Amino acid sequence: MPSVVGFVGAGQMGEPMVIRMLAAGHEVHVYARRDKVLDRLRARGAYSAPSVAELGPCDVVVCTLFSDLQLEDVALGNGGLIAAMKVGSTLVSHTTGSVETIRRLADVAAAGGVNVVDAPISGTADEILAGTLTVLLGGDPEPINRAVPILESYAQQIVRTGELGSALKVKLINNLLFAANLQLVADAVRLGRELGIEVDGLLDAVQHCSGASSASKRVVEVGGLANFVDRARPFLSKDITVCLDAVRDLGAQQGVLGAVAVDGPLELRADPSR
């Protein structure tokens, strides 16, 4: 059954989400700062909201924002989203951020009868447009059940991970594992060069052998290691920082996984001194 959906963050990943939701028949109200984005989405049938507070009457509001700072500003700032949302509605956050932040938002939201679901994603903009994205969901079953029909418009794999914050923990581990795999791909390329192996041939061969990984696949898809790192570094740097901070705050050990992700041949940290 189509829902009335609010959406914040119609950028590289968010815009194709809105396109898919509209195609699925949902009524989507979008808050965006870029007129060109709004023009494109309005042409497809979306409604524009002049402020995040105008999304308050929606049944579900989806936020696809880059960082905790952006999410908190939208949700809790002056004229913030949560204060405007109606009782019984659900805020779905696709932001890969800290567990502490999502719990703080949930505490504030609960006071007004609003539910929060952490829903980090794994995939690309092309996968969103194809409807094959992966979404991890953490939170209470009832609000998750309300959100799933909306998420199914652009996600093929929807994995329920448990309580609020659990999806973020899983995503952070996944991102650290991906970064470690990328470091290993970089070192494999180094070794291949030292052994006189042509890099493209090496990477192509690995894709058909037991050493293949999601990281090596992505590297091949975008035309080489340097191209992929240039595109992915801002996201990887942010995610690695968030993950290492979470590991420290929760009293866990990063172990070999963290060591490889951080200390490999690629500088992926936003702040190398950390």
C-alpha atoms as a PDB file:
ATOM      1  CA  MET A   1       0.000   0.000   0.000  1.00  0.00           C
ATOM      2  CA  PRO A   2       1.520   3.377  -1.001  1.00  0.00           C
ATOM      3  CA  SER A   3       2.676   5.626   1.834  1.00  0.00           C
ATOM      4  CA  VAL A   4       3.247   9.339   2.302  1.00  0.00           C
ATOM      5  CA  VAL A   5       7.019   9.616   2.590  1.00  0.00           C
ATOM      6  CA  GLY A   6       9.232  12.527   3.560  1.00  0.00           C
ATOM      7  CA  PHE A   7      12.796  12.596   2.273  1.00  0.00           C
ATOM      8  CA  VAL A   8      15.900  14.553   3.280  1.00  0.00           C
ATOM      9  CA  GLY A   9      19.239  14.197   1.507  1.00  0.00           C
ATOM     10  CA  ALA A  10      18.490  13.855  -2.213  1.00  0.00           C
ATOM     11  CA  GLY A  11      22.130  13.694  -3.255  1.00  0.00           C
ATOM     12  CA  GLN A  12      24.125  11.069  -5.133  1.00  0.00           C
ATOM     13  CA  MET A  13      22.464   8.207  -3.254  1.00  0.00           C
ATOM     14  CA  GLY A  14      19.251   9.899  -2.185  1.00  0.00           C
ATOM     15  CA  GLU A  15      17.999  11.100  -5.562  1.00  0.00           C
ATOM     16  CA  PRO A  16      17.766   7.600  -7.071  1.00  0.00           C
ATOM     17  CA  MET A  17      15.971   6.432  -3.917  1.00  0.00           C
ATOM     18  CA  VAL A  18      13.290   9.061  -4.483  1.00  0.00           C
ATOM     19  CA  ILE A  19      13.030   8.068  -8.146  1.00  0.00           C
ATOM     20  CA  ARG A  20      12.437   4.444  -7.163  1.00  0.00           C
ATOM     21  CA  MET A  21       9.871   5.358  -4.493  1.00  0.00           C
ATOM     22  CA  LEU A  22       7.928   7.476  -6.960  1.00  0.00           C
ATOM     23  CA  ALA A  23       7.972   4.657  -9.502  1.00  0.00           C
ATOM     24  CA  ALA A  24       6.565   2.343  -6.816  1.00  0.00           C
ATOM     25  CA  GLY A  25       3.611   4.679  -6.340  1.00  0.00           C
ATOM     26  CA  HIS A  26       4.563   6.360  -3.059  1.00  0.00           C
ATOM     27  CA  GLU A  27       3.761  10.014  -2.458  1.00  0.00           C
ATOM     28  CA  VAL A  28       7.152  11.588  -1.739  1.00  0.00           C
ATOM     29  CA  HIS A  29       7.790  15.031  -0.251  1.00  0.00           C
ATOM     30  CA  VAL A  30      11.414  16.132  -0.620  1.00  0.00           C
ATOM     31  CA  TYR A  31      13.428  18.719   1.256  1.00  0.00           C
ATOM     32  CA  ALA A  32      16.540  19.635  -0.741  1.00  0.00           C
ATOM     33  CA  ARG A  33      18.746  22.700  -0.971  1.00  0.00           C
ATOM     34  CA  ARG A  34      19.594  22.355  -4.657  1.00  0.00           C
ATOM     35  CA  ASP A  35      16.965  23.674  -7.047  1.00  0.00           C
ATOM     36  CA  LYS A  36      18.191  21.481  -9.905  1.00  0.00           C
ATOM     37  CA  VAL A  37      17.582  18.343  -7.851  1.00  0.00           C
ATOM     38  CA  LEU A  38      14.122  19.520  -6.840  1.00  0.00           C
ATOM     39  CA  ASP A  39      13.273  20.380 -10.446  1.00  0.00           C
ATOM     40  CA  ARG A  40      14.248  16.894 -11.619  1.00  0.00           C
ATOM     41  CA  LEU A  41      12.288  15.179  -8.863  1.00  0.00           C
ATOM     42  CA  ARG A  42       9.227  17.403  -9.247  1.00  0.00           C
ATOM     43  CA  ALA A  43       9.212  16.499 -12.928  1.00  0.00           C
ATOM     44  CA  ARG A  44       8.835  12.874 -11.829  1.00  0.00           C
ATOM     45  CA  GLY A  45       5.979  13.642  -9.454  1.00  0.00           C
ATOM     46  CA  ALA A  46       7.638  14.505  -6.142  1.00  0.00           C
ATOM     47  CA  TYR A  47       6.466  17.374  -3.945  1.00  0.00           C
ATOM     48  CA  SER A  48       8.955  19.911  -2.599  1.00  0.00           C
ATOM     49  CA  ALA A  49       9.020  20.880   1.071  1.00  0.00           C
ATOM     50  CA  PRO A  50      10.292  24.386   1.933  1.00  0.00           C
ATOM     51  CA  SER A  51      11.709  23.147   5.260  1.00  0.00           C
ATOM     52  CA  VAL A  52      12.309  19.875   7.092  1.00  0.00           C
ATOM     53  CA  ALA A  53       9.521  20.780   9.506  1.00  0.00           C
ATOM     54  CA  GLU A  54       7.078  20.621   6.580  1.00  0.00           C
ATOM     55  CA  LEU A  55       7.772  16.874   6.407  1.00  0.00           C
ATOM     56  CA  GLY A  56       6.216  16.387   9.847  1.00  0.00           C
ATOM     57  CA  PRO A  57       2.828  15.071   8.623  1.00  0.00           C
ATOM     58  CA  CYS A  58       4.464  12.226   6.645  1.00  0.00           C
ATOM     59  CA  ASP A  59       4.050   8.625   7.814  1.00  0.00           C
ATOM     60  CA  VAL A  60       7.737   7.824   7.322  1.00  0.00           C
ATOM     61  CA  VAL A  61      10.645  10.224   6.833  1.00  0.00           C
ATOM     62  CA  VAL A  62      13.843   8.889   5.263  1.00  0.00           C
ATOM     63  CA  CYS A  63      17.150  10.711   5.842  1.00  0.00           C
ATOM     64  CA  THR A  64      20.124   9.966   3.595  1.00  0.00           C
ATOM     65  CA  LEU A  65      22.789  12.254   5.027  1.00  0.00           C
ATOM     66  CA  PHE A  66      26.578  12.006   4.965  1.00  0.00           C
ATOM     67  CA  SER A  67      27.438  12.437   8.627  1.00  0.00           C
ATOM     68  CA  ASP A  68      26.184  12.490  12.204  1.00  0.00           C
ATOM     69  CA  LEU A  69      26.629  16.261  12.217  1.00  0.00           C
ATOM     70  CA  GLN A  70      24.254  16.681   9.280  1.00  0.00           C
ATOM     71  CA  LEU A  71      21.761  14.209  10.747  1.00  0.00           C
ATOM     72  CA  GLU A  72      21.692  15.944  14.127  1.00  0.00           C
ATOM     73  CA  ASP A  73      21.334  19.357  12.493  1.00  0.00           C
ATOM     74  CA  VAL A  74      18.327  18.186  10.458  1.00  0.00           C
ATOM     75  CA  ALA A  75      16.684  16.158  13.207  1.00  0.00           C
ATOM     76  CA  LEU A  76      17.394  18.246  16.300  1.00  0.00           C
ATOM     77  CA  GLY A  77      18.379  21.706  15.075  1.00  0.00           C
ATOM     78  CA  ASN A  78      16.310  24.869  15.090  1.00  0.00           C
ATOM     79  CA  GLY A  79      13.004  23.982  13.408  1.00  0.00           C
ATOM     80  CA  GLY A  80      14.159  20.381  13.460  1.00  0.00           C
ATOM     81  CA  LEU A  81      12.453  17.392  11.938  1.00  0.00           C
ATOM     82  CA  ILE A  82      11.741  15.270  15.014  1.00  0.00           C
ATOM     83  CA  ALA A  83       9.837  18.020  16.827  1.00  0.00           C
ATOM     84  CA  ALA A  84       7.556  18.381  13.793  1.00  0.00           C
ATOM     85  CA  MET A  85       6.855  14.681  13.220  1.00  0.00           C
ATOM     86  CA  LYS A  86       3.454  13.308  14.168  1.00  0.00           C
ATOM     87  CA  VAL A  87       2.821  10.692  16.849  1.00  0.00           C
ATOM     88  CA  GLY A  88       3.303   7.175  15.518  1.00  0.00           C
ATOM     89  CA  SER A  89       5.471   8.198  12.573  1.00  0.00           C
ATOM     90  CA  THR A  90       8.896   6.733  11.833  1.00  0.00           C
ATOM     91  CA  LEU A  91      12.267   8.317  11.081  1.00  0.00           C
ATOM     92  CA  VAL A  92      14.536   6.073   8.996  1.00  0.00           C
ATOM     93  CA  SER A  93      18.220   7.046   8.979  1.00  0.00           C
ATOM     94  CA  HIS A  94      20.490   5.758   6.202  1.00  0.00           C
ATOM     95  CA  THR A  95      23.452   7.669   7.669  1.00  0.00           C
ATOM     96  CA  THR A  96      26.477   5.555   8.567  1.00  0.00           C
ATOM     97  CA  GLY A  97      27.267   7.188  11.884  1.00  0.00           C
ATOM     98  CA  SER A  98      27.688   6.449  15.560  1.00  0.00           C
ATOM     99  CA  VAL A  99      25.439   4.291  17.696  1.00  0.00           C
ATOM    100  CA  GLU A 100      25.484   7.030  20.325  1.00  0.00           C
ATOM    101  CA  THR A 101      23.955   9.541  17.899  1.00  0.00           C
ATOM    102  CA  ILE A 102      21.122   7.284  16.727  1.00  0.00           C
ATOM    103  CA  ARG A 103      20.263   6.415  20.326  1.00  0.00           C
ATOM    104  CA  ARG A 104      20.226  10.082  21.291  1.00  0.00           C
ATOM    105  CA  LEU A 105      17.872  10.850  18.413  1.00  0.00           C
ATOM    106  CA  ALA A 106      15.653   7.937  19.424  1.00  0.00           C
ATOM    107  CA  ASP A 107      15.433   9.177  23.016  1.00  0.00           C
ATOM    108  CA  VAL A 108      14.343  12.637  21.871  1.00  0.00           C
ATOM    109  CA  ALA A 109      11.912  11.169  19.350  1.00  0.00           C
ATOM    110  CA  ALA A 110      10.338   8.776  21.854  1.00  0.00           C
ATOM    111  CA  ALA A 111       9.259  11.698  24.032  1.00  0.00           C
ATOM    112  CA  GLY A 112       7.026  12.831  21.164  1.00  0.00           C
ATOM    113  CA  GLY A 113       5.789   9.391  20.190  1.00  0.00           C
ATOM    114  CA  VAL A 114       8.066   9.125  17.150  1.00  0.00           C
ATOM    115  CA  ASN A 115      10.023   5.975  16.254  1.00  0.00           C
ATOM    116  CA  VAL A 116      13.594   5.845  14.941  1.00  0.00           C
ATOM    117  CA  VAL A 117      15.133   3.069  12.836  1.00  0.00           C
ATOM    118  CA  ASP A 118      18.815   2.859  11.937  1.00  0.00           C
ATOM    119  CA  ALA A 119      19.076   1.699   8.333  1.00  0.00           C
ATOM    120  CA  PRO A 120      22.618   1.936   6.938  1.00  0.00           C
ATOM    121  CA  ILE A 121      22.976   0.862   3.326  1.00  0.00           C
ATOM    122  CA  SER A 122      25.488  -1.107   1.274  1.00  0.00           C
ATOM    123  CA  GLY A 123      25.690  -0.523  -2.451  1.00  0.00           C
ATOM    124  CA  THR A 124      26.002   2.104  -5.159  1.00  0.00           C
ATOM    125  CA  ALA A 125      23.738   4.646  -6.832  1.00  0.00           C
ATOM    126  CA  ASP A 126      23.441   2.301  -9.817  1.00  0.00           C
ATOM    127  CA  GLU A 127      22.271  -0.485  -7.519  1.00  0.00           C
ATOM    128  CA  ILE A 128      19.674   1.843  -6.016  1.00  0.00           C
ATOM    129  CA  LEU A 129      18.315   2.636  -9.483  1.00  0.00           C
ATOM    130  CA  ALA A 130      18.246  -1.082 -10.258  1.00  0.00           C
ATOM    131  CA  GLY A 131      16.426  -1.810  -6.997  1.00  0.00           C
ATOM    132  CA  THR A 132      19.194  -4.104  -5.753  1.00  0.00           C
ATOM    133  CA  LEU A 133      20.519  -2.159  -2.752  1.00  0.00           C
ATOM    134  CA  THR A 134      21.157  -3.829   0.614  1.00  0.00           C
ATOM    135  CA  VAL A 135      19.645  -2.186   3.706  1.00  0.00           C
ATOM    136  CA  LEU A 136      20.374  -3.194   7.301  1.00  0.00           C
ATOM    137  CA  LEU A 137      17.649  -2.435   9.848  1.00  0.00           C
ATOM    138  CA  GLY A 138      17.924  -1.962  13.594  1.00  0.00           C
ATOM    139  CA  GLY A 139      15.006  -1.039  15.826  1.00  0.00           C
ATOM    140  CA  ASP A 140      11.620  -2.139  17.117  1.00  0.00           C
ATOM    141  CA  PRO A 141       9.661  -4.523  14.863  1.00  0.00           C
ATOM    142  CA  GLU A 142       6.568  -2.331  14.456  1.00  0.00           C
ATOM    143  CA  PRO A 143       8.253   0.759  12.945  1.00  0.00           C
ATOM    144  CA  ILE A 144      10.504  -1.491  10.874  1.00  0.00           C
ATOM    145  CA  ASN A 145       7.432  -3.215   9.455  1.00  0.00           C
ATOM    146  CA  ARG A 146       6.054   0.194   8.460  1.00  0.00           C
ATOM    147  CA  ALA A 147       9.306   1.178   6.772  1.00  0.00           C
ATOM    148  CA  VAL A 148       9.982  -2.037   4.852  1.00  0.00           C
ATOM    149  CA  PRO A 149       7.387  -1.539   2.058  1.00  0.00           C
ATOM    150  CA  ILE A 150       9.001   1.819   1.293  1.00  0.00           C
ATOM    151  CA  LEU A 151      12.546   0.478   1.403  1.00  0.00           C
ATOM    152  CA  GLU A 152      11.587  -2.404  -0.875  1.00  0.00           C
ATOM    153  CA  SER A 153      11.155   0.095  -3.701  1.00  0.00           C
ATOM    154  CA  TYR A 154      14.956   0.394  -3.946  1.00  0.00           C
ATOM    155  CA  ALA A 155      16.365  -2.472  -1.849  1.00  0.00           C
ATOM    156  CA  GLN A 156      16.564  -6.142  -2.760  1.00  0.00           C
ATOM    157  CA  GLN A 157      18.163  -7.376   0.447  1.00  0.00           C
ATOM    158  CA  ILE A 158      16.676  -6.078   3.703  1.00  0.00           C
ATOM    159  CA  VAL A 159      18.382  -7.562   6.748  1.00  0.00           C
ATOM    160  CA  ARG A 160      16.991  -7.118  10.253  1.00  0.00           C
ATOM    161  CA  THR A 161      19.894  -7.059  12.689  1.00  0.00           C
ATOM    162  CA  GLY A 162      18.117  -6.583  16.031  1.00  0.00           C
ATOM    163  CA  GLU A 163      17.725  -3.667  18.408  1.00  0.00           C
ATOM    164  CA  LEU A 164      18.273  -0.006  17.599  1.00  0.00           C
ATOM    165  CA  GLY A 165      21.944   0.596  16.815  1.00  0.00           C
ATOM    166  CA  SER A 166      22.687  -3.001  15.839  1.00  0.00           C
ATOM    167  CA  ALA A 167      22.481  -2.238  12.119  1.00  0.00           C
ATOM    168  CA  LEU A 168      25.086   0.503  12.499  1.00  0.00           C
ATOM    169  CA  LYS A 169      27.402  -1.864  14.353  1.00  0.00           C
ATOM    170  CA  VAL A 170      27.083  -4.426  11.563  1.00  0.00           C
ATOM    171  CA  LYS A 171      27.659  -1.763   8.895  1.00  0.00           C
ATOM    172  CA  LEU A 172      30.739  -0.415  10.644  1.00  0.00           C
ATOM    173  CA  ILE A 173      32.251  -3.896  10.876  1.00  0.00           C
ATOM    174  CA  ASN A 174      31.408  -4.440   7.212  1.00  0.00           C
ATOM    175  CA  ASN A 175      33.060  -1.161   6.225  1.00  0.00           C
ATOM    176  CA  LEU A 176      36.192  -1.985   8.190  1.00  0.00           C
ATOM    177  CA  LEU A 177      36.300  -5.389   6.494  1.00  0.00           C
ATOM    178  CA  PHE A 178      35.878  -3.740   3.088  1.00  0.00           C
ATOM    179  CA  ALA A 179      38.686  -1.275   3.847  1.00  0.00           C
ATOM    180  CA  ALA A 180      40.934  -4.154   4.939  1.00  0.00           C
ATOM    181  CA  ASN A 181      40.129  -6.022   1.715  1.00  0.00           C
ATOM    182  CA  LEU A 182      40.936  -2.900  -0.293  1.00  0.00           C
ATOM    183  CA  GLN A 183      44.302  -2.614   1.461  1.00  0.00           C
ATOM    184  CA  LEU A 184      45.006  -6.244   0.550  1.00  0.00           C
ATOM    185  CA  VAL A 185      44.085  -5.565  -3.083  1.00  0.00           C
ATOM    186  CA  ALA A 186      46.514  -2.630  -3.084  1.00  0.00           C
ATOM    187  CA  ASP A 187      49.278  -4.823  -1.685  1.00  0.00           C
ATOM    188  CA  ALA A 188      48.497  -7.552  -4.207  1.00  0.00           C
ATOM    189  CA  VAL A 189      48.903  -4.958  -6.970  1.00  0.00           C
ATOM    190  CA  ARG A 190      52.255  -3.913  -5.461  1.00  0.00           C
ATOM    191  CA  LEU A 191      53.454  -7.509  -5.354  1.00  0.00           C
ATOM    192  CA  GLY A 192      52.247  -8.116  -8.888  1.00  0.00           C
ATOM    193  CA  ARG A 193      54.224  -5.149 -10.172  1.00  0.00           C
ATOM    194  CA  GLU A 194      57.354  -6.350  -8.372  1.00  0.00           C
ATOM    195  CA  LEU A 195      56.904  -9.733 -10.039  1.00  0.00           C
ATOM    196  CA  GLY A 196      56.464  -8.121 -13.454  1.00  0.00           C
ATOM    197  CA  ILE A 197      52.746  -8.894 -13.810  1.00  0.00           C
ATOM    198  CA  GLU A 198      50.516  -6.512 -15.761  1.00  0.00           C
ATOM    199  CA  VAL A 199      48.093  -5.017 -13.234  1.00  0.00           C
ATOM    200  CA  ASP A 200      44.901  -5.179 -15.315  1.00  0.00           C
ATOM    201  CA  GLY A 201      45.579  -8.814 -16.129  1.00  0.00           C
ATOM    202  CA  LEU A 202      46.212  -9.588 -12.472  1.00  0.00           C
ATOM    203  CA  LEU A 203      42.990  -7.984 -11.283  1.00  0.00           C
ATOM    204  CA  ASP A 204      40.973  -9.623 -14.054  1.00  0.00           C
ATOM    205  CA  ALA A 205      42.407 -13.035 -13.189  1.00  0.00           C
ATOM    206  CA  VAL A 206      41.749 -12.607  -9.465  1.00  0.00           C
ATOM    207  CA  GLN A 207      38.074 -11.955 -10.199  1.00  0.00           C
ATOM    208  CA  HIS A 208      37.791 -15.540 -11.462  1.00  0.00           C
ATOM    209  CA  CYS A 209      39.807 -17.099  -8.651  1.00  0.00           C
ATOM    210  CA  SER A 210      39.412 -17.736  -4.922  1.00  0.00           C
ATOM    211  CA  GLY A 211      41.079 -14.422  -4.023  1.00  0.00           C
ATOM    212  CA  ALA A 212      38.205 -12.367  -5.434  1.00  0.00           C
ATOM    213  CA  SER A 213      36.413  -9.947  -3.113  1.00  0.00           C
ATOM    214  CA  SER A 214      33.885  -7.144  -3.291  1.00  0.00           C
ATOM    215  CA  ALA A 215      36.802  -4.707  -3.077  1.00  0.00           C
ATOM    216  CA  SER A 216      38.647  -6.220  -6.039  1.00  0.00           C
ATOM    217  CA  LYS A 217      35.387  -6.276  -8.019  1.00  0.00           C
ATOM    218  CA  ARG A 218      34.773  -2.564  -7.370  1.00  0.00           C
ATOM    219  CA  VAL A 219      38.353  -1.720  -8.358  1.00  0.00           C
ATOM    220  CA  VAL A 220      37.923  -3.478 -11.700  1.00  0.00           C
ATOM    221  CA  GLU A 221      34.509  -1.899 -12.324  1.00  0.00           C
ATOM    222  CA  VAL A 222      35.798   1.679 -12.050  1.00  0.00           C
ATOM    223  CA  GLY A 223      38.960   1.142 -14.067  1.00  0.00           C
ATOM    224  CA  GLY A 224      41.700   0.571 -11.530  1.00  0.00           C
ATOM    225  CA  LEU A 225      42.836   1.054  -7.960  1.00  0.00           C
ATOM    226  CA  ALA A 226      43.673   4.768  -8.192  1.00  0.00           C
ATOM    227  CA  ASN A 227      40.276   5.628  -9.687  1.00  0.00           C
ATOM    228  CA  PHE A 228      38.410   3.696  -7.033  1.00  0.00           C
ATOM    229  CA  VAL A 229      40.386   5.142  -4.128  1.00  0.00           C
ATOM    230  CA  ASP A 230      39.868   8.697  -5.423  1.00  0.00           C
ATOM    231  CA  ARG A 231      36.108   8.136  -5.512  1.00  0.00           C
ATOM    232  CA  ALA A 232      35.758   6.176  -2.292  1.00  0.00           C
ATOM    233  CA  ARG A 233      38.298   7.835   0.021  1.00  0.00           C
ATOM    234  CA  PRO A 234      35.937  10.494   1.499  1.00  0.00           C
ATOM    235  CA  PHE A 235      33.408   7.818   2.451  1.00  0.00           C
ATOM    236  CA  LEU A 236      35.983   5.280   3.626  1.00  0.00           C
ATOM    237  CA  SER A 237      37.825   7.890   5.686  1.00  0.00           C
ATOM    238  CA  LYS A 238      34.639   8.920   7.454  1.00  0.00           C
ATOM    239  CA  ASP A 239      33.498   5.338   8.014  1.00  0.00           C
ATOM    240  CA  ILE A 240      36.864   4.146   9.319  1.00  0.00           C
ATOM    241  CA  THR A 241      36.996   7.051  11.770  1.00  0.00           C
ATOM    242  CA  VAL A 242      33.453   6.349  12.986  1.00  0.00           C
ATOM    243  CA  CYS A 243      34.198   2.637  13.338  1.00  0.00           C
ATOM    244  CA  LEU A 244      37.423   3.080  15.279  1.00  0.00           C
ATOM    245  CA  ASP A 245      35.736   5.618  17.560  1.00  0.00           C
ATOM    246  CA  ALA A 246      32.859   3.187  18.164  1.00  0.00           C
ATOM    247  CA  VAL A 247      35.232   0.321  18.924  1.00  0.00           C
ATOM    248  CA  ARG A 248      37.039   2.492  21.447  1.00  0.00           C
ATOM    249  CA  ASP A 249      33.866   3.861  23.023  1.00  0.00           C
ATOM    250  CA  LEU A 250      32.350   0.386  23.393  1.00  0.00           C
ATOM    251  CA  GLY A 251      35.530  -1.037  24.912  1.00  0.00           C
ATOM    252  CA  ALA A 252      36.172  -3.530  22.092  1.00  0.00           C
ATOM    253  CA  GLN A 253      39.424  -4.362  20.290  1.00  0.00           C
ATOM    254  CA  GLN A 254      39.931  -3.567  16.604  1.00  0.00           C
ATOM    255  CA  GLY A 255      42.327  -6.502  16.253  1.00  0.00           C
ATOM    256  CA  VAL A 256      43.891  -7.593  12.978  1.00  0.00           C
ATOM    257  CA  LEU A 257      40.891  -6.267  11.040  1.00  0.00           C
ATOM    258  CA  GLY A 258      41.472  -2.718  12.199  1.00  0.00           C
ATOM    259  CA  ALA A 259      45.234  -2.976  11.848  1.00  0.00           C
ATOM    260  CA  VAL A 260      45.018  -4.020   8.199  1.00  0.00           C
ATOM    261  CA  ALA A 261      42.360  -1.412   7.370  1.00  0.00           C
ATOM    262  CA  VAL A 262      44.360   1.401   8.953  1.00  0.00           C
ATOM    263  CA  ASP A 263      47.995   0.445   8.383  1.00  0.00           C
ATOM    264  CA  GLY A 264      47.920  -0.899   4.820  1.00  0.00           C
ATOM    265  CA  PRO A 265      49.595   0.767   1.821  1.00  0.00           C
ATOM    266  CA  LEU A 266      46.647   3.127   1.214  1.00  0.00           C
ATOM    267  CA  GLU A 267      46.117   6.139   3.479  1.00  0.00           C
ATOM    268  CA  LEU A 268      42.396   5.890   4.126  1.00  0.00           C
ATOM    269  CA  ARG A 269      42.079   7.757   7.409  1.00  0.00           C
ATOM    270  CA  ALA A 270      40.780  11.308   7.491  1.00  0.00           C
ATOM    271  CA  ASP A 271      43.324  12.046  10.231  1.00  0.00           C
ATOM    272  CA  PRO A 272      46.461   9.863   9.886  1.00  0.00           C
ATOM    273  CA  SER A 273      47.613  10.870  13.385  1.00  0.00           C
ATOM    274  CA  ARG A 274      44.716   8.949  14.997  1.00  0.00           C
END
